[in-house]
Amino acid sequence: MRLLPSLRGRKRYLAFKMLPDDTDAITPVKNSPSRASTAKPLMPHPAGGGIDAPCRGTLSRRDLTLELDRSSQSLLGDAGSSECDIRVLSFDGTEGIVSCMHRETARTRAVLATIYEIRDRRASVRVIGVSGTVKGAKRFFSEKR
């Protein structure tokens, strides 16, 4: 049996973009050993470079979902994760849409911000915008291109 609309929880939709970790912007501290030779391979830098360039690679929706669950559990715990009700609606490797409960938008943004590595490759997530409908969230992608 379906819930009445008045009893259903309201949702917000966060449009986000995956960004590569820009290690060129970090300058090493004097008298500290460089870890460049021992570091794991990072996401390849795009030809144009810059912080707003999309990351390249084959990241699947499943990889993002697992990392999102892991970050949510470590930051919010079991109760907080269930209150947020974070779900990945769409993800194409560089950009996607995540849904959450309308009062938990700030916590969901915090969870997305704590993602720093997916499948042993550094990455970060930038929220482009928040909307009350999926259609509105999709508009953020068409405006930014």
C-alpha atoms as a PDB file:
ATOM      1  CA  MET A   1       0.000   0.000   0.000  1.00  0.00           C
ATOM      2  CA  ARG A   2       1.338   3.429  -0.933  1.00  0.00           C
ATOM      3  CA  LEU A   3       1.882   6.226   1.539  1.00  0.00           C
ATOM      4  CA  LEU A   4      -0.195   9.334   1.224  1.00  0.00           C
ATOM      5  CA  PRO A   5       1.740  12.337  -0.111  1.00  0.00           C
ATOM      6  CA  SER A   6       1.282  14.134   3.213  1.00  0.00           C
ATOM      7  CA  LEU A   7       3.041  11.270   5.025  1.00  0.00           C
ATOM      8  CA  ARG A   8       5.873  10.864   2.541  1.00  0.00           C
ATOM      9  CA  GLY A   9       9.243  12.413   3.331  1.00  0.00           C
ATOM     10  CA  ARG A  10      10.310  15.386   1.233  1.00  0.00           C
ATOM     11  CA  LYS A  11      13.550  15.081  -0.679  1.00  0.00           C
ATOM     12  CA  ARG A  12      16.276  17.314  -2.034  1.00  0.00           C
ATOM     13  CA  TYR A  13      18.446  16.487  -5.006  1.00  0.00           C
ATOM     14  CA  LEU A  14      22.122  17.464  -5.043  1.00  0.00           C
ATOM     15  CA  ALA A  15      23.851  17.808  -8.397  1.00  0.00           C
ATOM     16  CA  PHE A  16      27.584  17.161  -8.062  1.00  0.00           C
ATOM     17  CA  LYS A  17      30.741  16.952 -10.128  1.00  0.00           C
ATOM     18  CA  MET A  18      33.829  14.783  -9.509  1.00  0.00           C
ATOM     19  CA  LEU A  19      37.099  16.709  -9.512  1.00  0.00           C
ATOM     20  CA  PRO A  20      40.640  15.380  -9.728  1.00  0.00           C
ATOM     21  CA  ASP A  21      42.979  15.966  -6.820  1.00  0.00           C
ATOM     22  CA  ASP A  22      45.259  18.781  -7.982  1.00  0.00           C
ATOM     23  CA  THR A  23      48.650  17.921  -6.477  1.00  0.00           C
ATOM     24  CA  ASP A  24      50.491  20.528  -8.557  1.00  0.00           C
ATOM     25  CA  ALA A  25      49.011  23.277  -6.379  1.00  0.00           C
ATOM     26  CA  ILE A  26      50.600  21.829  -3.228  1.00  0.00           C
ATOM     27  CA  THR A  27      54.131  22.972  -2.500  1.00  0.00           C
ATOM     28  CA  PRO A  28      56.254  20.785  -0.235  1.00  0.00           C
ATOM     29  CA  VAL A  29      57.363  22.164   3.125  1.00  0.00           C
ATOM     30  CA  LYS A  30      61.086  22.899   3.395  1.00  0.00           C
ATOM     31  CA  ASN A  31      63.195  20.188   5.029  1.00  0.00           C
ATOM     32  CA  SER A  32      60.520  17.554   4.519  1.00  0.00           C
ATOM     33  CA  PRO A  33      61.074  14.462   2.381  1.00  0.00           C
ATOM     34  CA  SER A  34      59.114  14.354  -0.833  1.00  0.00           C
ATOM     35  CA  ARG A  35      56.571  11.550  -1.038  1.00  0.00           C
ATOM     36  CA  ALA A  36      56.067  11.933  -4.776  1.00  0.00           C
ATOM     37  CA  SER A  37      57.998   8.763  -5.551  1.00  0.00           C
ATOM     38  CA  THR A  38      56.039   6.604  -3.090  1.00  0.00           C
ATOM     39  CA  ALA A  39      52.570   8.030  -3.732  1.00  0.00           C
ATOM     40  CA  LYS A  40      49.816   6.002  -5.344  1.00  0.00           C
ATOM     41  CA  PRO A  41      48.945   6.966  -8.915  1.00  0.00           C
ATOM     42  CA  LEU A  42      46.391   9.750  -8.896  1.00  0.00           C
ATOM     43  CA  MET A  43      43.571  10.438 -11.276  1.00  0.00           C
ATOM     44  CA  PRO A  44      45.113  11.683 -14.502  1.00  0.00           C
ATOM     45  CA  HIS A  45      45.170  15.452 -14.849  1.00  0.00           C
ATOM     46  CA  PRO A  46      43.147  16.777 -17.775  1.00  0.00           C
ATOM     47  CA  ALA A  47      44.947  18.524 -20.604  1.00  0.00           C
ATOM     48  CA  GLY A  48      43.493  21.911 -19.671  1.00  0.00           C
ATOM     49  CA  GLY A  49      44.215  21.400 -15.968  1.00  0.00           C
ATOM     50  CA  GLY A  50      42.634  23.531 -13.307  1.00  0.00           C
ATOM     51  CA  ILE A  51      40.369  22.770 -10.416  1.00  0.00           C
ATOM     52  CA  ASP A  52      37.128  22.798 -12.423  1.00  0.00           C
ATOM     53  CA  ALA A  53      38.292  20.254 -14.998  1.00  0.00           C
ATOM     54  CA  PRO A  54      36.379  16.951 -14.728  1.00  0.00           C
ATOM     55  CA  CYS A  55      38.281  13.873 -13.658  1.00  0.00           C
ATOM     56  CA  ARG A  56      38.885  11.128 -16.169  1.00  0.00           C
ATOM     57  CA  GLY A  57      38.680   7.426 -15.528  1.00  0.00           C
ATOM     58  CA  THR A  58      36.209   4.654 -15.129  1.00  0.00           C
ATOM     59  CA  LEU A  59      34.374   5.178 -11.881  1.00  0.00           C
ATOM     60  CA  SER A  60      31.133   3.268 -11.652  1.00  0.00           C
ATOM     61  CA  ARG A  61      27.974   4.083  -9.759  1.00  0.00           C
ATOM     62  CA  ARG A  62      28.674   1.143  -7.482  1.00  0.00           C
ATOM     63  CA  ASP A  63      32.114   2.520  -6.562  1.00  0.00           C
ATOM     64  CA  LEU A  64      30.588   5.879  -5.665  1.00  0.00           C
ATOM     65  CA  THR A  65      27.761   4.268  -3.681  1.00  0.00           C
ATOM     66  CA  LEU A  66      30.175   2.165  -1.629  1.00  0.00           C
ATOM     67  CA  GLU A  67      32.368   5.168  -0.847  1.00  0.00           C
ATOM     68  CA  LEU A  68      29.326   7.314  -0.036  1.00  0.00           C
ATOM     69  CA  ASP A  69      28.056   4.671   2.406  1.00  0.00           C
ATOM     70  CA  ARG A  70      31.505   4.351   3.964  1.00  0.00           C
ATOM     71  CA  SER A  71      31.830   8.127   4.422  1.00  0.00           C
ATOM     72  CA  SER A  72      28.300   8.413   5.763  1.00  0.00           C
ATOM     73  CA  GLN A  73      28.877   5.669   8.328  1.00  0.00           C
ATOM     74  CA  SER A  74      32.142   7.158   9.545  1.00  0.00           C
ATOM     75  CA  LEU A  75      30.851  10.747   9.754  1.00  0.00           C
ATOM     76  CA  LEU A  76      27.231  10.307  10.873  1.00  0.00           C
ATOM     77  CA  GLY A  77      26.977   6.794  12.293  1.00  0.00           C
ATOM     78  CA  ASP A  78      24.067   4.403  11.815  1.00  0.00           C
ATOM     79  CA  ALA A  79      21.304   6.690  13.052  1.00  0.00           C
ATOM     80  CA  GLY A  80      22.524   9.734  11.125  1.00  0.00           C
ATOM     81  CA  SER A  81      22.960   7.750   7.924  1.00  0.00           C
ATOM     82  CA  SER A  82      19.420   6.441   8.070  1.00  0.00           C
ATOM     83  CA  GLU A  83      18.030   9.922   8.800  1.00  0.00           C
ATOM     84  CA  CYS A  84      19.786  11.361   5.747  1.00  0.00           C
ATOM     85  CA  ASP A  85      18.589   8.549   3.447  1.00  0.00           C
ATOM     86  CA  ILE A  86      21.316   9.272   0.860  1.00  0.00           C
ATOM     87  CA  ARG A  87      20.836   7.573  -2.512  1.00  0.00           C
ATOM     88  CA  VAL A  88      22.708   7.866  -5.799  1.00  0.00           C
ATOM     89  CA  LEU A  89      20.145   8.454  -8.543  1.00  0.00           C
ATOM     90  CA  SER A  90      22.495   8.862 -11.480  1.00  0.00           C
ATOM     91  CA  PHE A  91      26.248   8.929 -12.058  1.00  0.00           C
ATOM     92  CA  ASP A  92      28.108   8.902 -15.368  1.00  0.00           C
ATOM     93  CA  GLY A  93      31.689   8.883 -14.108  1.00  0.00           C
ATOM     94  CA  THR A  94      32.144  12.637 -13.750  1.00  0.00           C
ATOM     95  CA  GLU A  95      28.806  14.066 -12.615  1.00  0.00           C
ATOM     96  CA  GLY A  96      25.660  12.807 -10.971  1.00  0.00           C
ATOM     97  CA  ILE A  97      22.655  13.369  -8.736  1.00  0.00           C
ATOM     98  CA  VAL A  98      22.229  12.288  -5.104  1.00  0.00           C
ATOM     99  CA  SER A  99      18.937  12.413  -3.199  1.00  0.00           C
ATOM    100  CA  CYS A 100      18.529  13.030   0.529  1.00  0.00           C
ATOM    101  CA  MET A 101      15.877  14.117   3.032  1.00  0.00           C
ATOM    102  CA  HIS A 102      15.121  17.834   2.843  1.00  0.00           C
ATOM    103  CA  ARG A 103      16.256  18.661   6.387  1.00  0.00           C
ATOM    104  CA  GLU A 104      19.532  16.773   5.984  1.00  0.00           C
ATOM    105  CA  THR A 105      20.971  18.687   3.029  1.00  0.00           C
ATOM    106  CA  ALA A 106      23.832  20.175   5.056  1.00  0.00           C
ATOM    107  CA  ARG A 107      24.847  16.782   6.451  1.00  0.00           C
ATOM    108  CA  THR A 108      24.702  15.235   2.992  1.00  0.00           C
ATOM    109  CA  ARG A 109      26.969  17.995   1.672  1.00  0.00           C
ATOM    110  CA  ALA A 110      29.373  17.215   4.516  1.00  0.00           C
ATOM    111  CA  VAL A 111      29.374  13.516   3.621  1.00  0.00           C
ATOM    112  CA  LEU A 112      30.112  14.339  -0.027  1.00  0.00           C
ATOM    113  CA  ALA A 113      32.924  16.651   1.072  1.00  0.00           C
ATOM    114  CA  THR A 114      34.595  13.884   3.099  1.00  0.00           C
ATOM    115  CA  ILE A 115      35.044  11.672   0.043  1.00  0.00           C
ATOM    116  CA  TYR A 116      38.709  11.914  -0.868  1.00  0.00           C
ATOM    117  CA  GLU A 117      39.477   8.558  -2.468  1.00  0.00           C
ATOM    118  CA  ILE A 118      37.524   6.134  -4.631  1.00  0.00           C
ATOM    119  CA  ARG A 119      39.066   2.778  -5.519  1.00  0.00           C
ATOM    120  CA  ASP A 120      42.571   3.851  -4.430  1.00  0.00           C
ATOM    121  CA  ARG A 121      42.424   6.976  -6.599  1.00  0.00           C
ATOM    122  CA  ARG A 122      42.185  10.435  -5.121  1.00  0.00           C
ATOM    123  CA  ALA A 123      39.099  12.436  -5.984  1.00  0.00           C
ATOM    124  CA  SER A 124      36.912  15.138  -4.545  1.00  0.00           C
ATOM    125  CA  VAL A 125      33.254  15.978  -4.963  1.00  0.00           C
ATOM    126  CA  ARG A 126      31.928  19.477  -5.631  1.00  0.00           C
ATOM    127  CA  VAL A 127      28.210  20.148  -5.176  1.00  0.00           C
ATOM    128  CA  ILE A 128      26.981  22.278  -8.083  1.00  0.00           C
ATOM    129  CA  GLY A 129      23.495  22.910  -6.748  1.00  0.00           C
ATOM    130  CA  VAL A 130      20.533  21.713  -4.698  1.00  0.00           C
ATOM    131  CA  SER A 131      17.008  21.350  -6.053  1.00  0.00           C
ATOM    132  CA  GLY A 132      13.609  20.089  -4.971  1.00  0.00           C
ATOM    133  CA  THR A 133      13.087  18.105  -8.191  1.00  0.00           C
ATOM    134  CA  VAL A 134      15.234  15.838 -10.335  1.00  0.00           C
ATOM    135  CA  LYS A 135      14.440  17.991 -13.367  1.00  0.00           C
ATOM    136  CA  GLY A 136      15.750  21.056 -11.547  1.00  0.00           C
ATOM    137  CA  ALA A 137      18.929  19.212 -10.572  1.00  0.00           C
ATOM    138  CA  LYS A 138      19.535  18.235 -14.205  1.00  0.00           C
ATOM    139  CA  ARG A 139      19.346  21.905 -15.182  1.00  0.00           C
ATOM    140  CA  PHE A 140      22.498  22.602 -13.178  1.00  0.00           C
ATOM    141  CA  PHE A 141      24.469  20.452 -15.623  1.00  0.00           C
ATOM    142  CA  SER A 142      23.153  22.242 -18.700  1.00  0.00           C
ATOM    143  CA  GLU A 143      23.901  25.673 -17.163  1.00  0.00           C
ATOM    144  CA  LYS A 144      27.516  24.845 -16.278  1.00  0.00           C
ATOM    145  CA  ARG A 145      28.539  23.581 -19.705  1.00  0.00           C
END
